[in-house]
N, C-alpha and C. Protein backbone atom coordinates (compact mmCIF):
# COMPACT_ATOMS: atom_id res chain seq x y z
N MET A 1 -9.65 23.14 0.27
CA MET A 1 -8.70 22.01 0.12
C MET A 1 -9.65 20.77 -0.08
N ARG A 2 -9.19 20.04 -1.19
CA ARG A 2 -9.98 18.81 -1.44
C ARG A 2 -9.07 17.57 -1.66
N ASN A 3 -9.63 16.47 -1.61
CA ASN A 3 -8.92 15.23 -1.77
C ASN A 3 -7.58 15.07 -1.18
N ILE A 4 -7.50 15.22 0.19
CA ILE A 4 -6.32 15.02 0.93
C ILE A 4 -6.09 13.53 1.05
N PRO A 5 -4.83 13.07 0.61
CA PRO A 5 -4.61 11.60 0.79
C PRO A 5 -4.61 11.25 2.26
N VAL A 6 -5.16 10.20 2.65
CA VAL A 6 -5.27 9.73 4.06
C VAL A 6 -4.69 8.25 4.23
N ASN A 7 -3.98 8.15 5.20
CA ASN A 7 -3.35 6.68 5.45
C ASN A 7 -4.24 6.15 6.69
N LEU A 8 -5.00 5.22 6.33
CA LEU A 8 -5.75 4.47 7.46
C LEU A 8 -5.21 3.19 7.83
N GLY A 9 -3.98 3.10 7.70
CA GLY A 9 -3.20 1.81 7.92
C GLY A 9 -3.25 1.42 9.52
N GLY A 10 -3.32 2.49 10.31
CA GLY A 10 -3.35 2.16 11.61
C GLY A 10 -4.71 1.78 12.23
N PHE A 11 -5.71 1.55 11.42
CA PHE A 11 -7.07 1.19 11.63
C PHE A 11 -7.58 -0.04 11.16
N LYS A 12 -8.36 -0.73 11.84
CA LYS A 12 -9.08 -1.91 11.33
C LYS A 12 -10.36 -1.42 10.83
N LEU A 13 -10.57 -1.75 9.57
CA LEU A 13 -11.97 -1.25 8.85
C LEU A 13 -12.83 -2.49 8.66
N MET A 14 -13.98 -2.50 9.32
CA MET A 14 -15.06 -3.62 9.07
C MET A 14 -16.17 -3.06 8.43
N VAL A 15 -16.58 -3.76 7.48
CA VAL A 15 -17.75 -3.40 6.69
C VAL A 15 -19.11 -3.53 7.64
N THR A 16 -19.82 -2.48 7.81
CA THR A 16 -21.11 -2.50 8.60
C THR A 16 -22.37 -2.43 7.64
N GLU A 17 -22.12 -1.91 6.57
CA GLU A 17 -23.14 -1.90 5.47
C GLU A 17 -22.42 -2.18 4.20
N ALA A 18 -22.83 -3.33 3.46
CA ALA A 18 -22.29 -3.80 2.22
C ALA A 18 -22.41 -2.65 1.12
N PRO A 19 -21.47 -2.59 0.20
CA PRO A 19 -21.40 -1.51 -0.78
C PRO A 19 -22.68 -1.60 -1.58
N VAL A 20 -23.20 -0.37 -1.92
CA VAL A 20 -24.48 -0.19 -2.89
C VAL A 20 -24.20 0.96 -3.83
N MET A 21 -24.94 1.00 -4.78
CA MET A 21 -24.89 2.15 -5.74
C MET A 21 -25.25 3.35 -4.93
N LYS A 22 -24.48 4.44 -5.13
CA LYS A 22 -24.87 5.69 -4.42
C LYS A 22 -25.86 6.38 -5.20
N MET A 23 -26.94 6.89 -4.50
CA MET A 23 -28.00 7.60 -5.21
C MET A 23 -28.23 9.04 -4.81
N ARG A 24 -28.91 9.88 -5.57
CA ARG A 24 -29.11 11.29 -5.20
C ARG A 24 -30.45 11.52 -5.75
N GLU A 25 -31.00 12.66 -5.26
CA GLU A 25 -32.23 13.12 -5.78
C GLU A 25 -32.14 14.11 -6.95
N ASP A 26 -32.77 13.86 -7.91
CA ASP A 26 -32.74 14.84 -9.13
C ASP A 26 -33.66 15.93 -8.77
N GLU A 27 -33.77 16.92 -9.79
CA GLU A 27 -34.57 18.20 -9.61
C GLU A 27 -36.06 17.89 -9.27
N GLY A 28 -36.49 16.82 -9.81
CA GLY A 28 -37.92 16.36 -9.62
C GLY A 28 -38.15 15.51 -8.46
N GLY A 29 -37.17 15.33 -7.58
CA GLY A 29 -37.25 14.52 -6.38
C GLY A 29 -37.15 13.05 -6.63
N GLU A 30 -36.77 12.61 -7.81
CA GLU A 30 -36.69 11.11 -8.03
C GLU A 30 -35.15 10.75 -7.63
N LEU A 31 -35.18 9.46 -7.21
CA LEU A 31 -33.86 8.97 -7.03
C LEU A 31 -33.07 8.43 -8.18
N VAL A 32 -31.92 8.88 -8.56
CA VAL A 32 -31.16 8.53 -9.64
C VAL A 32 -29.82 8.12 -9.22
N PRO A 33 -29.09 7.23 -9.92
CA PRO A 33 -27.71 6.91 -9.60
C PRO A 33 -26.72 8.18 -9.54
N ALA A 34 -25.91 8.27 -8.64
CA ALA A 34 -24.89 9.38 -8.53
C ALA A 34 -23.84 9.05 -9.36
N THR A 35 -23.32 9.99 -10.13
CA THR A 35 -22.10 9.84 -11.09
C THR A 35 -21.11 10.85 -10.87
N ASP A 36 -19.84 10.62 -11.25
CA ASP A 36 -18.77 11.67 -11.20
C ASP A 36 -18.81 12.43 -12.39
N PHE A 37 -17.91 13.43 -12.42
CA PHE A 37 -17.88 14.33 -13.57
C PHE A 37 -17.74 13.68 -14.94
N ASN A 38 -17.25 12.43 -14.90
CA ASN A 38 -16.98 11.74 -16.21
C ASN A 38 -18.18 10.75 -16.63
N GLY A 39 -19.12 10.76 -15.69
CA GLY A 39 -20.40 9.97 -15.80
C GLY A 39 -20.33 8.52 -15.26
N ALA A 40 -19.14 8.33 -14.59
CA ALA A 40 -18.98 7.01 -13.89
C ALA A 40 -19.79 6.75 -12.71
N GLN A 41 -20.52 5.64 -12.51
CA GLN A 41 -21.42 5.49 -11.37
C GLN A 41 -20.58 5.47 -10.03
N GLN A 42 -21.02 5.93 -8.92
CA GLN A 42 -20.53 5.88 -7.68
C GLN A 42 -21.10 4.90 -6.77
N PHE A 43 -20.32 4.33 -5.79
CA PHE A 43 -20.89 3.43 -4.83
C PHE A 43 -20.50 3.99 -3.49
N VAL A 44 -21.17 3.32 -2.52
CA VAL A 44 -20.99 3.80 -1.09
C VAL A 44 -20.95 2.53 -0.14
N VAL A 45 -20.04 2.55 0.75
CA VAL A 45 -19.80 1.59 1.78
C VAL A 45 -19.73 2.15 3.17
N VAL A 46 -20.32 1.58 4.15
CA VAL A 46 -20.19 2.03 5.44
C VAL A 46 -19.21 1.15 6.16
N LEU A 47 -18.23 1.75 6.93
CA LEU A 47 -17.32 0.95 7.60
C LEU A 47 -17.13 1.38 9.14
N PHE A 48 -16.87 0.40 9.93
CA PHE A 48 -16.36 0.76 11.34
C PHE A 48 -14.91 0.87 11.33
N ALA A 49 -14.46 2.00 11.67
CA ALA A 49 -12.99 2.23 11.83
C ALA A 49 -12.56 2.24 13.27
N LYS A 50 -11.68 1.34 13.62
CA LYS A 50 -11.14 1.16 15.08
C LYS A 50 -9.73 1.12 14.99
N ARG A 51 -9.02 2.00 15.87
CA ARG A 51 -7.54 1.99 15.91
C ARG A 51 -7.08 0.59 16.30
N ARG A 52 -6.04 0.18 15.48
CA ARG A 52 -5.25 -1.11 15.81
C ARG A 52 -4.74 -0.97 17.25
N PRO A 53 -4.52 -2.05 17.88
CA PRO A 53 -3.98 -2.06 19.31
C PRO A 53 -2.54 -1.52 19.26
N ARG A 54 -2.32 -0.72 20.29
CA ARG A 54 -1.00 0.10 20.34
C ARG A 54 0.00 -0.97 20.77
N PRO A 55 1.23 -0.91 20.37
CA PRO A 55 2.27 -1.80 20.79
C PRO A 55 2.55 -1.71 22.21
N ASP A 56 2.25 -0.45 22.92
CA ASP A 56 2.57 -0.25 24.27
C ASP A 56 1.41 -0.76 25.18
N GLY A 57 0.38 -1.25 24.55
CA GLY A 57 -0.79 -1.80 25.30
C GLY A 57 -1.76 -0.67 25.82
N GLY A 58 -1.56 0.60 25.31
CA GLY A 58 -2.37 1.79 25.64
C GLY A 58 -3.68 1.66 25.18
N PRO A 59 -4.58 2.46 25.58
CA PRO A 59 -5.98 2.45 25.04
C PRO A 59 -5.97 2.73 23.64
N VAL A 60 -7.09 2.06 23.01
CA VAL A 60 -7.31 2.29 21.49
C VAL A 60 -8.54 3.12 21.11
N GLY A 61 -9.34 3.34 22.00
CA GLY A 61 -10.66 4.03 21.83
C GLY A 61 -11.76 3.21 21.28
N LYS A 62 -12.93 3.74 21.12
CA LYS A 62 -14.16 3.04 20.72
C LYS A 62 -14.24 2.82 19.23
N GLY A 63 -13.67 3.74 18.40
CA GLY A 63 -13.88 3.65 16.97
C GLY A 63 -15.10 4.50 16.52
N GLU A 64 -15.32 4.51 15.15
CA GLU A 64 -16.42 5.34 14.62
C GLU A 64 -16.84 4.87 13.30
N GLU A 65 -18.11 5.07 12.97
CA GLU A 65 -18.61 4.57 11.59
C GLU A 65 -18.34 5.76 10.63
N ILE A 66 -17.75 5.22 9.45
CA ILE A 66 -17.62 6.22 8.34
C ILE A 66 -18.24 5.63 7.11
N LYS A 67 -18.75 6.74 6.27
CA LYS A 67 -19.35 6.26 5.08
C LYS A 67 -18.34 6.81 3.93
N VAL A 68 -18.06 5.76 2.99
CA VAL A 68 -16.92 6.12 2.01
C VAL A 68 -17.44 5.92 0.64
N THR A 69 -17.37 6.92 -0.21
CA THR A 69 -17.76 6.81 -1.43
C THR A 69 -16.59 6.19 -2.30
N LEU A 70 -17.03 5.16 -3.18
CA LEU A 70 -16.09 4.42 -4.05
C LEU A 70 -16.33 4.84 -5.45
N SER A 71 -15.21 5.08 -6.13
CA SER A 71 -15.26 5.50 -7.64
C SER A 71 -15.53 4.37 -8.61
N ALA A 72 -15.55 3.19 -7.94
CA ALA A 72 -15.83 1.89 -8.86
C ALA A 72 -16.62 0.83 -8.03
N ASP A 73 -17.33 -0.06 -8.79
CA ASP A 73 -17.97 -1.12 -8.19
C ASP A 73 -16.99 -1.95 -7.57
N PRO A 74 -17.09 -2.30 -6.26
CA PRO A 74 -16.07 -3.12 -5.60
C PRO A 74 -16.24 -4.60 -5.93
N GLY A 75 -17.33 -5.02 -6.45
CA GLY A 75 -17.73 -6.40 -6.78
C GLY A 75 -18.22 -7.11 -5.51
N ASP A 76 -18.27 -8.42 -5.65
CA ASP A 76 -18.83 -9.28 -4.53
C ASP A 76 -17.75 -9.49 -3.46
N GLY A 77 -18.21 -10.02 -2.26
CA GLY A 77 -17.23 -10.52 -1.38
C GLY A 77 -17.04 -9.46 -0.13
N PHE A 78 -17.83 -8.33 -0.19
CA PHE A 78 -17.57 -7.40 0.75
C PHE A 78 -18.90 -7.16 1.71
N ASP A 79 -19.32 -8.44 2.36
CA ASP A 79 -20.48 -8.39 3.14
C ASP A 79 -20.23 -7.84 4.48
N GLU A 80 -21.21 -7.56 5.21
CA GLU A 80 -21.16 -7.05 6.64
C GLU A 80 -20.32 -8.00 7.47
N GLY A 81 -19.25 -7.35 8.10
CA GLY A 81 -18.39 -8.10 8.95
C GLY A 81 -16.98 -8.44 8.22
N THR A 82 -16.92 -8.09 7.03
CA THR A 82 -15.73 -8.37 6.30
C THR A 82 -14.75 -7.20 6.65
N TYR A 83 -13.39 -7.63 6.89
CA TYR A 83 -12.36 -6.67 7.08
C TYR A 83 -11.72 -6.23 5.86
N VAL A 84 -11.60 -4.86 5.54
CA VAL A 84 -11.12 -4.41 4.29
C VAL A 84 -10.13 -3.38 4.56
N GLU A 85 -9.44 -3.06 3.33
CA GLU A 85 -8.53 -1.88 3.20
C GLU A 85 -9.07 -1.08 2.07
N LEU A 86 -8.68 0.27 2.22
CA LEU A 86 -9.30 1.24 1.13
C LEU A 86 -8.03 1.41 0.17
N ILE A 87 -8.38 1.42 -1.08
CA ILE A 87 -7.36 1.72 -2.23
C ILE A 87 -7.43 3.24 -2.49
N ASP A 88 -6.27 3.89 -2.44
CA ASP A 88 -6.13 5.31 -2.74
C ASP A 88 -7.22 6.07 -1.89
N ALA A 89 -7.26 6.02 -0.57
CA ALA A 89 -8.17 6.75 0.27
C ALA A 89 -7.74 8.31 0.38
N THR A 90 -8.94 9.09 0.28
CA THR A 90 -8.67 10.53 0.33
C THR A 90 -9.93 11.01 1.34
N THR A 91 -9.72 12.15 1.93
CA THR A 91 -10.69 12.77 2.76
C THR A 91 -10.72 14.34 2.30
N SER A 92 -11.95 14.88 2.51
CA SER A 92 -12.26 16.28 2.06
C SER A 92 -13.09 16.94 3.11
N PRO A 93 -12.75 18.08 3.58
CA PRO A 93 -13.72 18.85 4.45
C PRO A 93 -14.81 19.56 3.60
N TRP A 94 -15.96 19.61 4.18
CA TRP A 94 -17.03 20.26 3.42
C TRP A 94 -17.80 21.12 4.46
N ALA A 95 -18.54 22.02 3.98
CA ALA A 95 -19.42 22.89 4.81
C ALA A 95 -20.50 23.32 3.70
N MET A 96 -21.72 23.54 4.35
CA MET A 96 -22.97 23.85 3.66
C MET A 96 -23.88 24.71 4.54
N LYS A 97 -24.48 25.68 3.90
CA LYS A 97 -25.47 26.40 4.82
C LYS A 97 -26.77 25.89 4.46
N ASP A 98 -27.78 25.77 5.46
CA ASP A 98 -29.00 25.20 5.33
C ASP A 98 -29.98 26.39 4.99
N LYS A 99 -31.39 26.13 4.87
CA LYS A 99 -32.22 27.22 4.51
C LYS A 99 -32.40 28.18 5.70
N GLN A 100 -32.07 27.76 6.85
CA GLN A 100 -32.10 28.71 8.12
C GLN A 100 -30.87 29.44 8.17
N GLY A 101 -29.93 29.28 7.45
CA GLY A 101 -28.57 30.02 7.57
C GLY A 101 -27.60 29.31 8.35
N ASN A 102 -27.96 28.22 9.04
CA ASN A 102 -26.95 27.38 9.89
C ASN A 102 -25.91 26.69 9.00
N VAL A 103 -24.77 26.64 9.45
CA VAL A 103 -23.71 25.99 8.71
C VAL A 103 -23.43 24.66 9.22
N ASN A 104 -23.40 23.64 8.49
CA ASN A 104 -23.14 22.26 8.80
C ASN A 104 -21.86 21.94 8.07
N SER A 105 -20.99 21.13 8.76
CA SER A 105 -19.71 20.86 8.25
C SER A 105 -19.27 19.45 8.60
N GLY A 106 -18.23 18.91 7.90
CA GLY A 106 -17.64 17.56 8.36
C GLY A 106 -16.62 17.23 7.30
N MET A 107 -16.37 15.90 7.39
CA MET A 107 -15.29 15.44 6.52
C MET A 107 -15.99 14.27 5.62
N SER A 108 -15.75 14.19 4.41
CA SER A 108 -16.17 13.05 3.48
C SER A 108 -14.97 12.22 3.10
N PHE A 109 -15.11 10.91 3.08
CA PHE A 109 -14.20 10.04 2.59
C PHE A 109 -14.38 9.37 1.22
N ARG A 110 -13.39 9.20 0.45
CA ARG A 110 -13.51 8.62 -0.93
C ARG A 110 -12.40 7.58 -1.01
N ALA A 111 -12.60 6.70 -1.99
CA ALA A 111 -11.60 5.71 -2.33
C ALA A 111 -11.89 5.16 -3.68
N ALA A 112 -10.72 4.68 -4.34
CA ALA A 112 -10.77 4.13 -5.74
C ALA A 112 -11.40 2.73 -5.60
N GLY A 113 -11.30 2.10 -4.46
CA GLY A 113 -11.92 0.64 -4.25
C GLY A 113 -11.66 0.13 -3.04
N LEU A 114 -11.90 -1.21 -2.76
CA LEU A 114 -11.73 -1.91 -1.63
C LEU A 114 -10.88 -3.19 -1.90
N LYS A 115 -10.28 -3.62 -0.98
CA LYS A 115 -9.60 -5.04 -0.98
C LYS A 115 -9.74 -5.73 0.30
N PRO A 116 -9.78 -7.09 0.38
CA PRO A 116 -9.71 -7.69 1.64
C PRO A 116 -8.63 -7.37 2.42
N ALA A 117 -8.72 -7.24 3.74
CA ALA A 117 -7.57 -6.71 4.64
C ALA A 117 -6.43 -7.83 4.60
N GLY A 118 -5.35 -7.41 4.48
CA GLY A 118 -4.16 -8.29 4.62
C GLY A 118 -3.78 -9.08 3.28
N LEU A 119 -4.59 -8.78 2.23
CA LEU A 119 -4.19 -9.37 1.05
C LEU A 119 -3.69 -8.41 -0.02
N GLY A 120 -2.96 -8.87 -0.99
CA GLY A 120 -2.31 -7.99 -1.94
C GLY A 120 -3.26 -7.74 -3.16
N ALA A 121 -4.20 -8.65 -3.38
CA ALA A 121 -5.15 -8.53 -4.49
C ALA A 121 -6.10 -7.23 -4.37
N THR A 122 -6.18 -6.51 -5.30
CA THR A 122 -7.14 -5.26 -5.27
C THR A 122 -8.41 -5.51 -6.04
N THR A 123 -9.43 -4.86 -5.63
CA THR A 123 -10.72 -4.97 -6.24
C THR A 123 -11.11 -3.50 -6.82
N VAL A 124 -10.67 -3.19 -8.05
CA VAL A 124 -11.01 -1.89 -8.72
C VAL A 124 -11.46 -2.30 -10.03
N ALA A 125 -12.70 -1.63 -10.41
CA ALA A 125 -13.16 -2.00 -11.69
C ALA A 125 -12.36 -1.16 -12.74
N ALA A 126 -12.29 -1.69 -13.97
CA ALA A 126 -11.43 -1.12 -15.03
C ALA A 126 -12.12 -0.10 -15.62
């Protein structure tokens, strides 16, 4: 199962590492820009996700850091400490076997772009 829509509206998302171009290693070990199947460059941003305060005043937890792959350059204005919302956020489970046969697994997050929290304007490259 891939690209499951996810609603993060109940979380405050704060940039902890500003968006940068996503890089990968090619066959020769060189770092090259990561692209999608259409050749579009990918970007990555690291966010701290913390549940919004509950109306009943109950505990909200400590939160966690998530890395999100963006399908477009989010542009300027998303520096460390900026609160944001994800546009068209999805999550995907993954699993991989390493060379020793151990299985590693987790969840990856993707989004079409970012927008400042609480604002209607979107930041998605055309």
